């Protein structure tokens, strides 16, 4: 990624409606789209965003378009983001080279799973799943019962201590 080119590929300016008494025709926002292209590999990345524009006439705004674009993509981290996207493409997995594929038609894929289970087998599986769920829920309840017993025994000790200490 030695040589990356950045191009403005989207520039959609929105202006305030003619019915506004003082700001009619002034720029409201712009959708800025940037395409970055690595000149060596040809890989490219794109980013766009709607950006609000402070009160400015259309003519003033477009006269300073280069500075505006440089400011947005520089301070907004667009350069780094676009470079990162290109770098990810350069290191991404590629399709395997041309070769003869395995002969899947001659294979027995799914051998042993060609028949639907009978109703009895399906009911047995459901019952086994229900038993497993019940066992798990009873295991979760056991520690809570132990805590209750410990709390009761500690409450019983407190009045006895008060009587002996008084």
N, C-alpha and C. Protein backbone atom coordinates (compact mmCIF):
# COMPACT_ATOMS: atom_id res chain seq x y z
N UNK A 1 0.84 -1.19 0.00
CA UNK A 1 0.00 0.00 0.00
C UNK A 1 0.88 1.24 0.00
N UNK A 2 1.69 1.32 -0.96
CA UNK A 2 2.60 2.46 -1.02
C UNK A 2 1.96 3.69 -1.65
N UNK A 3 1.04 3.49 -2.55
CA UNK A 3 0.48 4.62 -3.28
C UNK A 3 -1.04 4.52 -3.30
N UNK A 4 -1.69 5.28 -2.44
CA UNK A 4 -3.15 5.26 -2.37
C UNK A 4 -3.68 6.58 -2.91
N UNK A 5 -4.68 6.46 -3.75
CA UNK A 5 -5.32 7.63 -4.34
C UNK A 5 -6.69 7.80 -3.69
N UNK A 6 -7.05 9.04 -3.38
CA UNK A 6 -8.34 9.36 -2.77
C UNK A 6 -9.13 10.22 -3.73
N UNK A 7 -10.36 9.79 -4.03
CA UNK A 7 -11.23 10.53 -4.94
C UNK A 7 -12.56 10.81 -4.28
N UNK A 8 -13.09 12.02 -4.50
CA UNK A 8 -14.44 12.34 -4.07
C UNK A 8 -15.37 11.72 -5.10
N UNK A 9 -16.14 10.72 -4.67
CA UNK A 9 -17.02 10.03 -5.59
C UNK A 9 -18.49 10.29 -5.29
N UNK A 10 -18.74 11.05 -4.22
CA UNK A 10 -20.13 11.46 -3.93
C UNK A 10 -20.07 12.84 -3.30
N UNK A 11 -20.92 13.73 -3.82
CA UNK A 11 -20.97 15.10 -3.35
C UNK A 11 -22.42 15.56 -3.53
N UNK A 12 -23.27 15.23 -2.58
CA UNK A 12 -24.69 15.58 -2.65
C UNK A 12 -24.97 16.67 -1.63
N UNK A 13 -25.14 17.88 -2.12
CA UNK A 13 -25.36 19.04 -1.25
C UNK A 13 -26.86 19.27 -1.10
N UNK A 14 -27.29 19.49 0.14
CA UNK A 14 -28.69 19.84 0.42
C UNK A 14 -28.73 21.28 0.90
N UNK A 15 -29.69 22.04 0.35
CA UNK A 15 -29.83 23.44 0.75
C UNK A 15 -31.16 23.65 1.47
N UNK A 16 -31.22 24.72 2.21
CA UNK A 16 -32.44 25.05 2.95
C UNK A 16 -33.51 25.49 1.96
N UNK A 17 -34.74 25.09 2.22
CA UNK A 17 -35.87 25.32 1.33
C UNK A 17 -36.09 26.82 1.06
N UNK A 18 -36.62 27.11 -0.12
CA UNK A 18 -36.89 28.50 -0.53
C UNK A 18 -37.86 29.22 0.39
N UNK A 19 -38.67 28.48 1.13
CA UNK A 19 -39.68 29.13 1.97
C UNK A 19 -39.08 29.75 3.24
N UNK A 20 -37.84 29.44 3.57
CA UNK A 20 -37.23 30.02 4.77
C UNK A 20 -36.94 31.50 4.51
N UNK A 21 -37.33 32.38 5.43
CA UNK A 21 -37.22 33.82 5.18
C UNK A 21 -35.79 34.36 5.07
N UNK A 22 -34.84 33.80 5.83
CA UNK A 22 -33.49 34.40 5.82
C UNK A 22 -32.40 33.46 5.31
N UNK A 23 -32.62 32.16 5.36
CA UNK A 23 -31.55 31.22 4.99
C UNK A 23 -31.85 30.44 3.72
N UNK A 24 -32.78 30.90 2.94
CA UNK A 24 -33.17 30.23 1.70
C UNK A 24 -31.95 30.03 0.80
N UNK A 25 -31.74 28.80 0.34
CA UNK A 25 -30.64 28.52 -0.58
C UNK A 25 -29.30 28.30 0.09
N UNK A 26 -29.22 28.44 1.40
CA UNK A 26 -27.96 28.19 2.11
C UNK A 26 -27.78 26.68 2.31
N UNK A 27 -26.54 26.28 2.39
CA UNK A 27 -26.23 24.85 2.54
C UNK A 27 -26.63 24.38 3.93
N UNK A 28 -27.30 23.23 3.95
CA UNK A 28 -27.72 22.60 5.21
C UNK A 28 -26.78 21.44 5.55
N UNK A 29 -26.51 20.58 4.55
CA UNK A 29 -25.64 19.43 4.76
C UNK A 29 -25.12 18.94 3.42
N UNK A 30 -24.14 18.03 3.50
CA UNK A 30 -23.58 17.43 2.30
C UNK A 30 -23.31 15.96 2.61
N UNK A 31 -23.58 15.11 1.62
CA UNK A 31 -23.15 13.72 1.74
C UNK A 31 -21.84 13.62 0.97
N UNK A 32 -20.79 13.35 1.73
CA UNK A 32 -19.45 13.26 1.16
C UNK A 32 -19.08 11.79 1.05
N UNK A 33 -18.70 11.37 -0.14
CA UNK A 33 -18.26 10.00 -0.36
C UNK A 33 -16.85 9.99 -0.91
N UNK A 34 -15.98 9.19 -0.28
CA UNK A 34 -14.58 9.11 -0.68
C UNK A 34 -14.27 7.66 -1.06
N UNK A 35 -13.61 7.48 -2.20
CA UNK A 35 -13.11 6.17 -2.61
C UNK A 35 -11.60 6.22 -2.59
N UNK A 36 -11.00 5.28 -1.87
CA UNK A 36 -9.54 5.19 -1.86
C UNK A 36 -9.16 3.95 -2.66
N UNK A 37 -8.10 4.07 -3.46
CA UNK A 37 -7.67 2.97 -4.32
C UNK A 37 -6.17 2.77 -4.18
N UNK A 38 -5.75 1.54 -3.89
CA UNK A 38 -4.33 1.20 -3.85
C UNK A 38 -3.88 1.02 -5.30
N UNK A 39 -2.96 1.85 -5.73
CA UNK A 39 -2.54 1.85 -7.13
C UNK A 39 -1.81 0.57 -7.53
N UNK A 40 -1.18 -0.13 -6.58
CA UNK A 40 -0.43 -1.35 -6.90
C UNK A 40 -1.36 -2.55 -7.07
N UNK A 41 -2.28 -2.72 -6.14
CA UNK A 41 -3.13 -3.91 -6.17
C UNK A 41 -4.48 -3.68 -6.86
N UNK A 42 -4.90 -2.42 -6.93
CA UNK A 42 -6.21 -2.11 -7.51
C UNK A 42 -7.35 -2.24 -6.50
N UNK A 43 -7.05 -2.66 -5.26
CA UNK A 43 -8.07 -2.78 -4.22
C UNK A 43 -8.55 -1.39 -3.83
N UNK A 44 -9.85 -1.30 -3.51
CA UNK A 44 -10.39 0.01 -3.16
C UNK A 44 -11.34 -0.12 -1.98
N UNK A 45 -11.61 1.03 -1.35
CA UNK A 45 -12.54 1.10 -0.22
C UNK A 45 -13.33 2.39 -0.36
N UNK A 46 -14.55 2.38 0.19
CA UNK A 46 -15.45 3.54 0.06
C UNK A 46 -16.05 3.87 1.42
N UNK A 47 -16.23 5.15 1.66
CA UNK A 47 -16.90 5.61 2.88
C UNK A 47 -17.67 6.87 2.51
N UNK A 48 -18.90 6.95 3.05
CA UNK A 48 -19.64 8.20 2.89
C UNK A 48 -20.36 8.52 4.18
N UNK A 49 -20.72 9.80 4.30
CA UNK A 49 -21.37 10.26 5.52
C UNK A 49 -22.06 11.60 5.23
N UNK A 50 -23.20 11.81 5.91
CA UNK A 50 -23.87 13.10 5.82
C UNK A 50 -23.25 14.01 6.87
N UNK A 51 -22.85 15.19 6.45
CA UNK A 51 -22.17 16.14 7.33
C UNK A 51 -22.95 17.44 7.34
N UNK A 52 -23.29 17.89 8.54
CA UNK A 52 -23.97 19.18 8.68
C UNK A 52 -22.99 20.30 8.38
N UNK A 53 -23.50 21.34 7.74
CA UNK A 53 -22.66 22.45 7.34
C UNK A 53 -23.16 23.71 8.04
N UNK A 54 -22.23 24.48 8.65
CA UNK A 54 -22.67 25.74 9.26
C UNK A 54 -23.19 26.70 8.20
N UNK A 55 -24.01 27.65 8.62
CA UNK A 55 -24.65 28.62 7.73
C UNK A 55 -23.64 29.18 6.72
N UNK A 56 -23.87 28.85 5.44
CA UNK A 56 -22.99 29.29 4.37
C UNK A 56 -23.76 29.25 3.06
N UNK A 57 -23.48 30.19 2.18
CA UNK A 57 -24.14 30.15 0.88
C UNK A 57 -23.54 29.01 0.06
N UNK A 58 -24.29 28.53 -0.91
CA UNK A 58 -23.84 27.43 -1.75
C UNK A 58 -22.54 27.79 -2.47
N UNK A 59 -22.47 29.01 -2.98
CA UNK A 59 -21.29 29.45 -3.72
C UNK A 59 -20.05 29.46 -2.82
N UNK A 60 -20.19 30.01 -1.61
CA UNK A 60 -19.07 30.05 -0.67
C UNK A 60 -18.63 28.62 -0.31
N UNK A 61 -19.61 27.78 -0.04
CA UNK A 61 -19.31 26.43 0.39
C UNK A 61 -18.53 25.67 -0.68
N UNK A 62 -19.01 25.71 -1.91
CA UNK A 62 -18.34 24.96 -2.97
C UNK A 62 -17.01 25.59 -3.39
N UNK A 63 -16.84 26.89 -3.14
CA UNK A 63 -15.55 27.52 -3.42
C UNK A 63 -14.48 26.98 -2.46
N UNK A 64 -14.87 26.64 -1.24
CA UNK A 64 -13.94 26.10 -0.25
C UNK A 64 -14.06 24.59 -0.09
N UNK A 65 -14.51 23.91 -1.13
CA UNK A 65 -14.76 22.47 -1.05
C UNK A 65 -13.50 21.67 -0.74
N UNK A 66 -12.38 22.01 -1.33
CA UNK A 66 -11.16 21.23 -1.11
C UNK A 66 -10.74 21.28 0.36
N UNK A 67 -10.75 22.46 0.95
CA UNK A 67 -10.39 22.59 2.36
C UNK A 67 -11.40 21.85 3.25
N UNK A 68 -12.68 21.94 2.88
CA UNK A 68 -13.72 21.26 3.65
C UNK A 68 -13.48 19.75 3.63
N UNK A 69 -13.24 19.19 2.44
CA UNK A 69 -13.03 17.74 2.30
C UNK A 69 -11.79 17.32 3.07
N UNK A 70 -10.70 18.04 2.91
CA UNK A 70 -9.45 17.71 3.63
C UNK A 70 -9.68 17.74 5.14
N UNK A 71 -10.43 18.73 5.61
CA UNK A 71 -10.71 18.83 7.04
C UNK A 71 -11.53 17.68 7.56
N UNK A 72 -12.55 17.30 6.81
CA UNK A 72 -13.43 16.20 7.24
C UNK A 72 -12.68 14.88 7.26
N UNK A 73 -12.02 14.55 6.16
CA UNK A 73 -11.40 13.23 6.11
C UNK A 73 -10.12 13.16 6.94
N UNK A 74 -9.50 14.29 7.16
CA UNK A 74 -8.29 14.30 8.01
C UNK A 74 -8.64 14.22 9.49
N UNK A 75 -9.52 15.09 9.94
CA UNK A 75 -9.85 15.11 11.37
C UNK A 75 -10.82 14.01 11.76
N UNK A 76 -11.53 13.45 10.79
CA UNK A 76 -12.50 12.39 11.09
C UNK A 76 -11.92 10.99 11.04
N UNK A 77 -10.63 10.84 10.78
CA UNK A 77 -10.01 9.52 10.75
C UNK A 77 -10.32 8.71 9.51
N UNK A 78 -10.80 9.35 8.46
CA UNK A 78 -11.18 8.63 7.24
C UNK A 78 -9.96 8.01 6.56
N UNK A 79 -8.83 8.73 6.53
CA UNK A 79 -7.65 8.18 5.87
C UNK A 79 -7.27 6.83 6.48
N UNK A 80 -7.17 6.80 7.79
CA UNK A 80 -6.79 5.57 8.48
C UNK A 80 -7.83 4.47 8.26
N UNK A 81 -9.10 4.83 8.33
CA UNK A 81 -10.16 3.83 8.14
C UNK A 81 -10.11 3.23 6.74
N UNK A 82 -9.96 4.06 5.73
CA UNK A 82 -9.91 3.56 4.35
C UNK A 82 -8.66 2.73 4.10
N UNK A 83 -7.53 3.16 4.66
CA UNK A 83 -6.30 2.38 4.52
C UNK A 83 -6.44 1.02 5.20
N UNK A 84 -7.08 1.00 6.36
CA UNK A 84 -7.30 -0.25 7.09
C UNK A 84 -8.19 -1.20 6.30
N UNK A 85 -9.20 -0.66 5.65
CA UNK A 85 -10.08 -1.50 4.84
C UNK A 85 -9.33 -2.12 3.67
N UNK A 86 -8.48 -1.34 3.03
CA UNK A 86 -7.69 -1.86 1.90
C UNK A 86 -6.72 -2.93 2.41
N UNK A 87 -6.07 -2.66 3.54
CA UNK A 87 -5.12 -3.63 4.10
C UNK A 87 -5.83 -4.95 4.43
N UNK A 88 -7.05 -4.87 4.92
CA UNK A 88 -7.81 -6.08 5.23
C UNK A 88 -8.12 -6.86 3.96
N UNK A 89 -8.39 -6.16 2.88
CA UNK A 89 -8.66 -6.85 1.60
C UNK A 89 -7.40 -7.55 1.09
N UNK A 90 -6.24 -6.89 1.30
CA UNK A 90 -4.99 -7.47 0.81
C UNK A 90 -4.61 -8.74 1.56
N UNK A 91 -5.04 -8.85 2.81
CA UNK A 91 -4.69 -10.04 3.60
C UNK A 91 -5.86 -11.02 3.74
N UNK A 92 -6.97 -10.75 3.07
CA UNK A 92 -8.15 -11.62 3.16
C UNK A 92 -7.90 -12.94 2.41
N UNK A 93 -8.58 -14.01 2.84
CA UNK A 93 -8.45 -15.29 2.13
C UNK A 93 -8.90 -15.15 0.68
N UNK A 94 -8.28 -15.95 -0.17
CA UNK A 94 -8.59 -15.93 -1.60
C UNK A 94 -9.23 -17.25 -2.00
N UNK A 95 -9.92 -17.29 -3.12
CA UNK A 95 -10.44 -18.57 -3.61
C UNK A 95 -9.27 -19.52 -3.91
N UNK A 96 -9.51 -20.80 -3.72
CA UNK A 96 -8.48 -21.80 -4.01
C UNK A 96 -8.18 -21.80 -5.50
N UNK A 97 -6.97 -22.21 -5.87
CA UNK A 97 -6.64 -22.24 -7.31
C UNK A 97 -7.51 -23.27 -8.05
N UNK A 98 -7.55 -23.15 -9.36
CA UNK A 98 -8.34 -24.07 -10.18
C UNK A 98 -7.82 -25.49 -9.96
N UNK A 99 -8.75 -26.42 -9.77
CA UNK A 99 -8.39 -27.80 -9.51
C UNK A 99 -9.58 -28.68 -9.80
N UNK A 100 -9.38 -29.98 -9.74
CA UNK A 100 -10.49 -30.91 -9.92
C UNK A 100 -11.15 -31.10 -8.56
N UNK A 101 -12.45 -30.88 -8.51
CA UNK A 101 -13.20 -31.00 -7.26
C UNK A 101 -13.41 -32.47 -6.93
N UNK A 102 -13.61 -32.81 -5.65
CA UNK A 102 -13.95 -34.20 -5.30
C UNK A 102 -15.25 -34.60 -5.97
N UNK A 103 -15.42 -35.88 -6.23
CA UNK A 103 -16.62 -36.39 -6.89
C UNK A 103 -17.70 -36.63 -5.82
N UNK A 104 -18.41 -35.59 -5.47
CA UNK A 104 -19.42 -35.69 -4.42
C UNK A 104 -20.59 -36.59 -4.83
N UNK A 105 -20.87 -36.70 -6.11
CA UNK A 105 -21.98 -37.52 -6.58
C UNK A 105 -21.76 -38.99 -6.25
N UNK A 106 -20.52 -39.43 -6.18
CA UNK A 106 -20.25 -40.83 -5.89
C UNK A 106 -20.14 -41.11 -4.39
N UNK A 107 -20.23 -40.09 -3.57
CA UNK A 107 -20.11 -40.25 -2.11
C UNK A 107 -21.48 -40.50 -1.48
N UNK A 108 -21.49 -41.14 -0.31
CA UNK A 108 -22.71 -41.36 0.45
C UNK A 108 -22.79 -40.32 1.56
N UNK A 109 -23.14 -39.13 1.22
CA UNK A 109 -23.28 -38.05 2.20
C UNK A 109 -24.58 -38.27 2.96
N UNK A 110 -24.54 -38.22 4.30
CA UNK A 110 -25.74 -38.39 5.10
C UNK A 110 -26.11 -39.84 5.30
N UNK A 111 -25.17 -40.76 5.09
CA UNK A 111 -25.43 -42.18 5.27
C UNK A 111 -25.91 -42.42 6.70
N UNK A 112 -27.04 -43.07 6.86
CA UNK A 112 -27.60 -43.33 8.18
C UNK A 112 -28.63 -42.30 8.60
N UNK A 113 -28.79 -41.26 7.82
CA UNK A 113 -29.77 -40.22 8.14
C UNK A 113 -30.77 -40.05 7.01
N UNK A 114 -31.00 -41.09 6.27
CA UNK A 114 -31.87 -40.98 5.10
C UNK A 114 -33.33 -41.18 5.43
N UNK A 115 -33.65 -41.75 6.62
CA UNK A 115 -35.05 -41.98 6.98
C UNK A 115 -35.44 -41.07 8.13
N UNK A 116 -36.68 -40.63 8.09
CA UNK A 116 -37.18 -39.80 9.18
C UNK A 116 -37.39 -40.66 10.41
N UNK A 117 -37.19 -40.12 11.63
CA UNK A 117 -37.42 -40.93 12.83
C UNK A 117 -38.90 -41.23 12.99
N UNK A 118 -39.19 -42.38 13.61
CA UNK A 118 -40.59 -42.73 13.84
C UNK A 118 -41.14 -41.86 14.96
N UNK A 119 -42.44 -41.86 15.13
CA UNK A 119 -43.06 -41.03 16.17
C UNK A 119 -42.61 -41.45 17.56
N UNK A 120 -42.44 -42.77 17.78
CA UNK A 120 -42.01 -43.25 19.08
C UNK A 120 -40.61 -42.75 19.41
N UNK A 121 -39.69 -42.79 18.44
CA UNK A 121 -38.33 -42.31 18.67
C UNK A 121 -38.33 -40.82 18.97
N UNK A 122 -39.15 -40.06 18.28
CA UNK A 122 -39.23 -38.62 18.50
C UNK A 122 -39.72 -38.32 19.91
N UNK A 123 -40.73 -39.10 20.40
CA UNK A 123 -41.24 -38.89 21.75
C UNK A 123 -40.19 -39.23 22.79
N UNK A 124 -39.39 -40.28 22.56
CA UNK A 124 -38.33 -40.66 23.50
C UNK A 124 -37.29 -39.55 23.60
N UNK A 125 -36.93 -38.97 22.50
CA UNK A 125 -35.96 -37.88 22.50
C UNK A 125 -36.51 -36.69 23.28
N UNK A 126 -37.77 -36.35 23.08
CA UNK A 126 -38.38 -35.22 23.80
C UNK A 126 -38.41 -35.49 25.30
N UNK A 127 -38.75 -36.72 25.72
CA UNK A 127 -38.78 -37.05 27.14
C UNK A 127 -37.39 -36.96 27.75
N UNK A 128 -36.38 -37.41 27.05
CA UNK A 128 -35.00 -37.34 27.54
C UNK A 128 -34.57 -35.89 27.71
N UNK A 129 -34.96 -35.03 26.78
CA UNK A 129 -34.62 -33.61 26.88
C UNK A 129 -35.32 -32.97 28.08
N UNK A 130 -36.58 -33.33 28.33
CA UNK A 130 -37.33 -32.79 29.46
C UNK A 130 -36.70 -33.21 30.78
N UNK A 131 -36.25 -34.48 30.88
CA UNK A 131 -35.61 -34.95 32.09
C UNK A 131 -34.32 -34.20 32.35
N UNK A 132 -33.56 -33.93 31.32
CA UNK A 132 -32.31 -33.19 31.47
C UNK A 132 -32.59 -31.78 31.98
N UNK A 133 -33.59 -31.13 31.47
CA UNK A 133 -33.95 -29.78 31.91
C UNK A 133 -34.39 -29.80 33.37
N UNK A 134 -35.18 -30.80 33.77
CA UNK A 134 -35.64 -30.91 35.16
C UNK A 134 -34.46 -31.14 36.10
N UNK A 135 -33.50 -31.98 35.70
CA UNK A 135 -32.33 -32.23 36.54
C UNK A 135 -31.52 -30.96 36.73
N UNK A 136 -31.33 -30.19 35.67
CA UNK A 136 -30.57 -28.96 35.76
C UNK A 136 -31.25 -27.95 36.67
N UNK A 137 -32.58 -27.85 36.59
CA UNK A 137 -33.29 -26.87 37.41
C UNK A 137 -33.26 -27.29 38.88
N UNK A 138 -33.31 -28.61 39.20
CA UNK A 138 -33.26 -29.04 40.59
C UNK A 138 -31.87 -28.82 41.17
N UNK A 139 -30.82 -28.93 40.37
CA UNK A 139 -29.46 -28.66 40.84
C UNK A 139 -29.29 -27.19 41.18
N UNK A 140 -29.93 -26.32 40.45
CA UNK A 140 -29.84 -24.88 40.72
C UNK A 140 -30.57 -24.51 41.99
N UNK A 141 -31.62 -25.23 42.38
CA UNK A 141 -32.40 -24.90 43.57
C UNK A 141 -31.70 -25.35 44.84
N UNK A 142 -30.88 -26.37 44.83
CA UNK A 142 -30.25 -26.92 46.01
C UNK A 142 -29.42 -25.89 46.77
N UNK A 143 -28.53 -25.10 46.17
CA UNK A 143 -27.75 -24.12 46.94
C UNK A 143 -28.63 -23.09 47.62
N UNK A 144 -29.73 -22.72 47.04
CA UNK A 144 -30.62 -21.72 47.64
C UNK A 144 -31.23 -22.28 48.92
N UNK A 145 -31.56 -23.57 48.95
CA UNK A 145 -32.12 -24.18 50.16
C UNK A 145 -31.10 -24.19 51.27
N UNK A 146 -29.82 -24.47 50.94
CA UNK A 146 -28.76 -24.49 51.95
C UNK A 146 -28.58 -23.12 52.58
N UNK A 147 -28.66 -22.06 51.79
CA UNK A 147 -28.51 -20.70 52.32
C UNK A 147 -29.61 -20.38 53.31
N UNK A 148 -30.83 -20.83 53.04
CA UNK A 148 -31.96 -20.57 53.93
C UNK A 148 -31.72 -21.24 55.28
N UNK A 149 -31.22 -22.48 55.30
CA UNK A 149 -30.95 -23.19 56.54
C UNK A 149 -29.87 -22.45 57.33
N UNK A 150 -28.82 -21.96 56.67
CA UNK A 150 -27.76 -21.24 57.36
C UNK A 150 -28.28 -19.94 57.96
N UNK A 151 -29.16 -19.24 57.25
CA UNK A 151 -29.71 -17.99 57.76
C UNK A 151 -30.54 -18.24 59.01
N UNK A 152 -31.34 -19.32 59.03
CA UNK A 152 -32.18 -19.64 60.18
C UNK A 152 -31.31 -19.95 61.39
N UNK A 153 -30.22 -20.71 61.21
CA UNK A 153 -29.38 -21.07 62.34
C UNK A 153 -28.65 -19.86 62.89
N UNK A 154 -28.26 -18.92 62.05
CA UNK A 154 -27.58 -17.72 62.55
C UNK A 154 -28.55 -16.82 63.29
N UNK A 155 -29.81 -16.81 62.90
CA UNK A 155 -30.80 -16.01 63.62
C UNK A 155 -31.07 -16.58 65.00
N UNK A 156 -31.02 -17.90 65.14
CA UNK A 156 -31.27 -18.54 66.43
C UNK A 156 -30.15 -18.23 67.41
N UNK A 157 -28.90 -18.12 66.93
CA UNK A 157 -27.77 -17.87 67.81
C UNK A 157 -27.79 -16.45 68.36
N UNK A 158 -28.30 -15.51 67.62
CA UNK A 158 -28.26 -14.12 68.04
C UNK A 158 -28.99 -13.88 69.35
N UNK A 159 -30.25 -14.34 69.54
CA UNK A 159 -30.90 -14.08 70.84
C UNK A 159 -30.18 -14.77 72.00
N UNK A 160 -29.63 -15.93 71.80
CA UNK A 160 -28.93 -16.64 72.89
C UNK A 160 -27.72 -15.84 73.33
N UNK A 161 -27.00 -15.25 72.40
CA UNK A 161 -25.83 -14.43 72.74
C UNK A 161 -26.23 -13.22 73.52
N UNK A 162 -27.37 -12.65 73.17
CA UNK A 162 -27.83 -11.45 73.88
C UNK A 162 -28.17 -11.76 75.33
N UNK A 163 -28.77 -12.93 75.56
CA UNK A 163 -29.15 -13.30 76.92
C UNK A 163 -27.91 -13.52 77.78
N UNK A 164 -26.89 -14.19 77.20
CA UNK A 164 -25.67 -14.50 77.97
C UNK A 164 -24.85 -13.24 78.21
N UNK A 165 -24.91 -12.28 77.35
CA UNK A 165 -24.08 -11.08 77.46
C UNK A 165 -24.68 -10.06 78.39
N UNK A 166 -25.95 -10.19 78.82
CA UNK A 166 -26.64 -9.16 79.55
C UNK A 166 -26.57 -9.30 80.96
